[in-house]
C-alpha atoms as a PDB file:
ATOM      1  CA  MET A   1       0.000   0.000   0.000  1.00  0.00           C
ATOM      2  CA  GLU A   2       2.886   2.405   0.737  1.00  0.00           C
ATOM      3  CA  ASN A   3       5.067   4.069  -1.802  1.00  0.00           C
ATOM      4  CA  LYS A   4       8.308   5.782  -0.842  1.00  0.00           C
ATOM      5  CA  ASN A   5       7.132   9.246  -1.821  1.00  0.00           C
ATOM      6  CA  ASN A   6       3.815   9.552  -0.036  1.00  0.00           C
ATOM      7  CA  LYS A   7       3.262  10.484   3.568  1.00  0.00           C
ATOM      8  CA  LEU A   8       0.397  10.530   6.035  1.00  0.00           C
ATOM      9  CA  ILE A   9       0.170  13.414   8.493  1.00  0.00           C
ATOM     10  CA  LEU A  10      -2.309  12.961  11.346  1.00  0.00           C
ATOM     11  CA  ILE A  11      -3.544  15.817  13.496  1.00  0.00           C
ATOM     12  CA  TYR A  12      -5.594  14.865  16.507  1.00  0.00           C
ATOM     13  CA  GLY A  13      -6.773  16.270  19.823  1.00  0.00           C
ATOM     14  CA  ALA A  14      -9.868  17.490  21.623  1.00  0.00           C
ATOM     15  CA  PRO A  15     -12.670  19.425  19.917  1.00  0.00           C
ATOM     16  CA  CYS A  16     -11.866  23.141  19.557  1.00  0.00           C
ATOM     17  CA  SER A  17      -8.106  22.530  19.868  1.00  0.00           C
ATOM     18  CA  GLY A  18      -7.431  23.898  16.360  1.00  0.00           C
ATOM     19  CA  LYS A  19      -7.201  20.690  14.310  1.00  0.00           C
ATOM     20  CA  THR A  20      -9.241  21.838  11.334  1.00  0.00           C
ATOM     21  CA  THR A  21      -7.599  25.255  11.147  1.00  0.00           C
ATOM     22  CA  LEU A  22      -4.110  23.768  11.280  1.00  0.00           C
ATOM     23  CA  GLY A  23      -5.040  21.012   8.843  1.00  0.00           C
ATOM     24  CA  GLN A  24      -6.315  23.489   6.281  1.00  0.00           C
ATOM     25  CA  GLU A  25      -3.203  25.678   6.629  1.00  0.00           C
ATOM     26  CA  LEU A  26      -0.807  22.737   6.294  1.00  0.00           C
ATOM     27  CA  SER A  27      -2.715  21.248   3.365  1.00  0.00           C
ATOM     28  CA  ILE A  28      -2.351  24.535   1.487  1.00  0.00           C
ATOM     29  CA  LYS A  29       1.325  24.984   2.414  1.00  0.00           C
ATOM     30  CA  TYR A  30       2.291  21.445   1.384  1.00  0.00           C
ATOM     31  CA  ASN A  31      -0.338  20.981  -1.349  1.00  0.00           C
ATOM     32  CA  LEU A  32      -1.801  17.938   0.405  1.00  0.00           C
ATOM     33  CA  ASN A  33      -5.249  16.473   0.243  1.00  0.00           C
ATOM     34  CA  PHE A  34      -7.057  17.128   3.509  1.00  0.00           C
ATOM     35  CA  ILE A  35      -9.537  14.673   5.007  1.00  0.00           C
ATOM     36  CA  SER A  36     -11.292  15.281   8.295  1.00  0.00           C
ATOM     37  CA  THR A  37     -13.662  13.015  10.139  1.00  0.00           C
ATOM     38  CA  ASP A  38     -16.095  15.957  10.275  1.00  0.00           C
ATOM     39  CA  SER A  39     -16.087  16.346   6.477  1.00  0.00           C
ATOM     40  CA  VAL A  40     -16.727  12.602   6.035  1.00  0.00           C
ATOM     41  CA  ARG A  41     -19.502  12.760   8.657  1.00  0.00           C
ATOM     42  CA  LYS A  42     -21.121  15.702   6.873  1.00  0.00           C
ATOM     43  CA  GLU A  43     -20.842  13.948   3.506  1.00  0.00           C
ATOM     44  CA  ILE A  44     -22.603  10.849   4.838  1.00  0.00           C
ATOM     45  CA  PHE A  45     -25.165  12.331   7.208  1.00  0.00           C
ATOM     46  CA  LYS A  46     -25.611  15.855   5.791  1.00  0.00           C
ATOM     47  CA  GLU A  47     -27.101  18.102   8.493  1.00  0.00           C
ATOM     48  CA  LYS A  48     -27.548  15.508  11.238  1.00  0.00           C
ATOM     49  CA  ILE A  49     -25.977  16.590  14.538  1.00  0.00           C
ATOM     50  CA  ASN A  50     -26.306  13.672  16.992  1.00  0.00           C
ATOM     51  CA  PHE A  51     -24.683  10.335  16.208  1.00  0.00           C
ATOM     52  CA  SER A  52     -24.857   6.860  17.634  1.00  0.00           C
ATOM     53  CA  SER A  53     -21.680   4.888  18.209  1.00  0.00           C
ATOM     54  CA  GLU A  54     -22.640   2.770  15.186  1.00  0.00           C
ATOM     55  CA  GLU A  55     -22.920   5.894  13.006  1.00  0.00           C
ATOM     56  CA  ASN A  56     -19.574   7.141  14.305  1.00  0.00           C
ATOM     57  CA  HIS A  57     -18.090   3.761  13.398  1.00  0.00           C
ATOM     58  CA  ILE A  58     -19.501   4.087   9.859  1.00  0.00           C
ATOM     59  CA  VAL A  59     -17.920   7.536   9.584  1.00  0.00           C
ATOM     60  CA  PHE A  60     -14.549   6.240  10.737  1.00  0.00           C
ATOM     61  CA  GLU A  61     -14.626   3.282   8.331  1.00  0.00           C
ATOM     62  CA  CYS A  62     -15.425   5.632   5.419  1.00  0.00           C
ATOM     63  CA  PHE A  63     -12.642   7.938   6.616  1.00  0.00           C
ATOM     64  CA  ILE A  64     -10.193   4.987   6.571  1.00  0.00           C
ATOM     65  CA  LYS A  65     -11.414   3.910   3.114  1.00  0.00           C
ATOM     66  CA  ASN A  66     -10.815   7.431   1.766  1.00  0.00           C
ATOM     67  CA  ILE A  67      -7.282   7.405   3.194  1.00  0.00           C
ATOM     68  CA  GLU A  68      -6.498   3.954   1.805  1.00  0.00           C
ATOM     69  CA  THR A  69      -7.780   4.906  -1.639  1.00  0.00           C
ATOM     70  CA  SER A  70      -5.660   8.053  -1.704  1.00  0.00           C
ATOM     71  CA  ILE A  71      -2.565   6.189  -0.517  1.00  0.00           C
ATOM     72  CA  LEU A  72      -3.052   3.527  -3.199  1.00  0.00           C
ATOM     73  CA  GLU A  73      -3.170   6.330  -5.749  1.00  0.00           C
ATOM     74  CA  GLY A  74       0.206   7.537  -4.455  1.00  0.00           C
ATOM     75  CA  GLU A  75      -1.086  10.679  -2.755  1.00  0.00           C
ATOM     76  CA  SER A  76       0.192  12.203   0.455  1.00  0.00           C
ATOM     77  CA  LEU A  77      -2.525  13.159   2.909  1.00  0.00           C
ATOM     78  CA  LEU A  78      -3.211  15.290   5.886  1.00  0.00           C
ATOM     79  CA  CYS A  79      -5.966  13.932   8.147  1.00  0.00           C
ATOM     80  CA  GLU A  80      -7.549  15.201  11.332  1.00  0.00           C
ATOM     81  CA  GLY A  81      -9.953  13.913  13.906  1.00  0.00           C
ATOM     82  CA  LEU A  82     -10.385  13.047  17.563  1.00  0.00           C
ATOM     83  CA  PHE A  83      -8.889   9.521  17.332  1.00  0.00           C
ATOM     84  CA  ILE A  84      -9.723   8.925  20.991  1.00  0.00           C
ATOM     85  CA  SER A  85      -9.830   5.139  20.953  1.00  0.00           C
ATOM     86  CA  LYS A  86      -6.700   3.038  20.715  1.00  0.00           C
ATOM     87  CA  TYR A  87      -8.453   0.877  18.094  1.00  0.00           C
ATOM     88  CA  ARG A  88      -8.835   3.869  15.789  1.00  0.00           C
ATOM     89  CA  ARG A  89      -5.230   4.963  16.280  1.00  0.00           C
ATOM     90  CA  GLU A  90      -4.076   1.392  15.527  1.00  0.00           C
ATOM     91  CA  ARG A  91      -6.138   1.350  12.321  1.00  0.00           C
ATOM     92  CA  LEU A  92      -4.593   4.643  11.203  1.00  0.00           C
ATOM     93  CA  PHE A  93      -1.101   3.471  12.094  1.00  0.00           C
ATOM     94  CA  SER A  94      -1.531   0.240  10.123  1.00  0.00           C
ATOM     95  CA  ILE A  95      -2.109   2.122   6.868  1.00  0.00           C
ATOM     96  CA  MET A  96       1.410   3.569   6.578  1.00  0.00           C
ATOM     97  CA  PRO A  97       3.471   2.650   9.625  1.00  0.00           C
ATOM     98  CA  ASN A  98       6.770   3.888   8.194  1.00  0.00           C
ATOM     99  CA  ARG A  99       5.614   7.142   6.581  1.00  0.00           C
ATOM    100  CA  ILE A 100       3.486   8.829   9.210  1.00  0.00           C
ATOM    101  CA  ASN A 101       3.823  12.107  11.084  1.00  0.00           C
ATOM    102  CA  ILE A 102       1.706  12.828  14.145  1.00  0.00           C
ATOM    103  CA  ILE A 103       0.705  16.169  15.603  1.00  0.00           C
ATOM    104  CA  TYR A 104      -1.358  16.358  18.769  1.00  0.00           C
ATOM    105  CA  LEU A 105      -3.039  19.660  19.610  1.00  0.00           C
ATOM    106  CA  SER A 106      -3.822  20.392  23.227  1.00  0.00           C
ATOM    107  CA  ALA A 107      -5.404  23.266  25.094  1.00  0.00           C
ATOM    108  CA  SER A 108      -6.741  23.844  28.569  1.00  0.00           C
ATOM    109  CA  ILE A 109     -10.394  23.113  29.208  1.00  0.00           C
ATOM    110  CA  GLU A 110     -10.901  26.853  29.779  1.00  0.00           C
ATOM    111  CA  THR A 111      -9.529  27.673  26.322  1.00  0.00           C
ATOM    112  CA  LEU A 112     -11.623  24.942  24.715  1.00  0.00           C
ATOM    113  CA  LYS A 113     -14.769  26.295  26.413  1.00  0.00           C
ATOM    114  CA  LYS A 114     -14.027  29.838  25.172  1.00  0.00           C
ATOM    115  CA  ARG A 115     -13.493  28.590  21.623  1.00  0.00           C
ATOM    116  CA  LEU A 116     -16.659  26.524  21.760  1.00  0.00           C
ATOM    117  CA  GLU A 117     -18.655  29.555  22.902  1.00  0.00           C
ATOM    118  CA  ALA A 118     -17.081  31.733  20.191  1.00  0.00           C
ATOM    119  CA  ARG A 119     -17.999  29.176  17.537  1.00  0.00           C
ATOM    120  CA  LYS A 120     -21.583  29.118  18.712  1.00  0.00           C
ATOM    121  CA  GLN A 121     -21.774  32.928  18.441  1.00  0.00           C
ATOM    122  CA  ASN A 122     -20.142  33.328  15.025  1.00  0.00           C
ATOM    123  CA  PRO A 123     -22.193  32.025  12.056  1.00  0.00           C
ATOM    124  CA  ILE A 124     -19.128  31.863   9.777  1.00  0.00           C
ATOM    125  CA  ILE A 125     -17.133  29.785  12.250  1.00  0.00           C
ATOM    126  CA  SER A 126     -20.212  27.723  13.097  1.00  0.00           C
ATOM    127  CA  GLU A 127     -20.529  26.725   9.442  1.00  0.00           C
ATOM    128  CA  LYS A 128     -16.902  25.567   9.421  1.00  0.00           C
ATOM    129  CA  HIS A 129     -17.356  23.583  12.641  1.00  0.00           C
ATOM    130  CA  GLN A 130     -20.875  22.204  12.295  1.00  0.00           C
ATOM    131  CA  ILE A 131     -20.544  19.411  14.828  1.00  0.00           C
ATOM    132  CA  GLU A 132     -18.693  21.325  17.522  1.00  0.00           C
ATOM    133  CA  LYS A 133     -21.201  24.140  17.677  1.00  0.00           C
ATOM    134  CA  TYR A 134     -23.736  21.678  19.106  1.00  0.00           C
ATOM    135  CA  LEU A 135     -21.467  20.298  21.815  1.00  0.00           C
ATOM    136  CA  SER A 136     -22.443  20.959  25.382  1.00  0.00           C
ATOM    137  CA  GLU A 137     -19.774  21.890  27.910  1.00  0.00           C
ATOM    138  CA  GLU A 138     -20.239  18.444  29.462  1.00  0.00           C
ATOM    139  CA  GLU A 139     -19.571  16.716  26.134  1.00  0.00           C
ATOM    140  CA  LEU A 140     -16.546  18.927  25.535  1.00  0.00           C
ATOM    141  CA  PHE A 141     -15.219  18.032  28.988  1.00  0.00           C
ATOM    142  CA  ASP A 142     -15.769  14.319  28.232  1.00  0.00           C
ATOM    143  CA  PHE A 143     -13.824  14.574  24.947  1.00  0.00           C
ATOM    144  CA  TYR A 144     -11.133  16.560  26.731  1.00  0.00           C
ATOM    145  CA  ASN A 145     -10.716  13.852  29.361  1.00  0.00           C
ATOM    146  CA  ARG A 146     -10.684  11.008  26.822  1.00  0.00           C
ATOM    147  CA  SER A 147      -8.318  12.756  24.397  1.00  0.00           C
ATOM    148  CA  MET A 148      -5.104  11.679  26.056  1.00  0.00           C
ATOM    149  CA  PRO A 149      -1.907  13.181  24.676  1.00  0.00           C
ATOM    150  CA  PRO A 150       0.770  10.930  23.212  1.00  0.00           C
ATOM    151  CA  LYS A 151       3.813   9.984  25.268  1.00  0.00           C
ATOM    152  CA  ASP A 152       6.287  11.975  23.164  1.00  0.00           C
ATOM    153  CA  GLU A 153       6.063  15.680  23.994  1.00  0.00           C
ATOM    154  CA  LYS A 154       7.873  16.603  20.745  1.00  0.00           C
ATOM    155  CA  VAL A 155       4.637  16.016  18.809  1.00  0.00           C
ATOM    156  CA  ILE A 156       2.380  18.004  21.160  1.00  0.00           C
ATOM    157  CA  ILE A 157       1.457  21.620  20.470  1.00  0.00           C
ATOM    158  CA  ASN A 158      -0.376  23.467  23.223  1.00  0.00           C
ATOM    159  CA  THR A 159      -2.585  26.011  21.465  1.00  0.00           C
ATOM    160  CA  ASP A 160      -3.321  28.062  24.584  1.00  0.00           C
ATOM    161  CA  ASN A 161      -2.372  31.707  24.113  1.00  0.00           C
ATOM    162  CA  ILE A 162      -0.470  31.347  20.838  1.00  0.00           C
ATOM    163  CA  SER A 163      -1.418  32.570  17.394  1.00  0.00           C
ATOM    164  CA  GLU A 164      -2.401  30.387  14.444  1.00  0.00           C
ATOM    165  CA  GLU A 165       0.921  31.379  12.842  1.00  0.00           C
ATOM    166  CA  GLU A 166       2.852  30.100  15.864  1.00  0.00           C
ATOM    167  CA  VAL A 167       0.903  26.835  15.827  1.00  0.00           C
ATOM    168  CA  LEU A 168       1.677  26.479  12.116  1.00  0.00           C
ATOM    169  CA  LYS A 169       5.414  27.057  12.701  1.00  0.00           C
ATOM    170  CA  LYS A 170       5.504  24.453  15.457  1.00  0.00           C
ATOM    171  CA  ALA A 171       3.642  21.965  13.267  1.00  0.00           C
ATOM    172  CA  ILE A 172       6.084  22.529  10.403  1.00  0.00           C
ATOM    173  CA  ASN A 173       8.946  21.820  12.806  1.00  0.00           C
ATOM    174  CA  ILE A 174       7.312  18.535  13.824  1.00  0.00           C
ATOM    175  CA  ILE A 175       6.758  17.524  10.209  1.00  0.00           C
ATOM    176  CA  SER A 176      10.312  18.510   9.278  1.00  0.00           C
ATOM    177  CA  PHE A 177      11.894  16.157  11.806  1.00  0.00           C
ATOM    178  CA  GLU A 178      13.476  13.090  10.314  1.00  0.00           C
ATOM    179  CA  GLU A 179      10.973  10.299   9.877  1.00  0.00           C
ATOM    180  CA  HIS A 180      10.304   8.472  13.113  1.00  0.00           C
ATOM    181  CA  ASN A 181      11.050   4.798  13.017  1.00  0.00           C
ATOM    182  CA  LYS A 182       8.174   2.369  13.370  1.00  0.00           C
ATOM    183  CA  GLN A 183       8.841   1.588  17.040  1.00  0.00           C
ATOM    184  CA  THR A 184       8.934   5.279  17.977  1.00  0.00           C
ATOM    185  CA  ILE A 185       5.607   5.900  16.251  1.00  0.00           C
ATOM    186  CA  GLN A 186       4.054   2.944  18.044  1.00  0.00           C
ATOM    187  CA  ASN A 187       5.233   4.354  21.372  1.00  0.00           C
ATOM    188  CA  ILE A 188       3.916   7.833  20.542  1.00  0.00           C
ATOM    189  CA  PHE A 189       0.564   6.925  19.064  1.00  0.00           C
ATOM    190  CA  LEU A 190      -0.551   3.535  20.335  1.00  0.00           C
ATOM    191  CA  TYR A 191      -0.813   4.175  24.038  1.00  0.00           C
ATOM    192  CA  ASP A 192      -3.704   2.993  26.205  1.00  0.00           C
END
């Protein structure tokens, strides 16, 4: 499935941590296709806002299928999502274990709450983040608690109190590091 020239960049973290914004910026900078779990969810379920675990599983399987198809076609990709469960991280890792870069975005719960509230108030931002604008603070807190950071701090960007430009620079530095070997990636990404 892999070819030596393509790469998979994964951005994950809690809702409102800046995944979509960073993903869009990096996809433009590096001319990469960008796939988000939210865009796949919207494609499948249109305007629906509440999802069962079975529907979320369908979304993730379609997300994986889109990635696999692109990789088979020799494309490099940038993908973002929550990737909370170890099963989902393992599935992503199995696609291209030797050509993967990981970026984890973190922020304090206070910052995430402020961003969530701002998204609910701004119709332009709400359109961009359809799912998140319907999250309650309790749901946000649940995602925050389940979105555990990876073990390697070199791939973590805390988005509290820094500009989008600073986040982008830090992400570029992470991507620019020499490829991690397979064991390092497993240690970073496949934690419990």
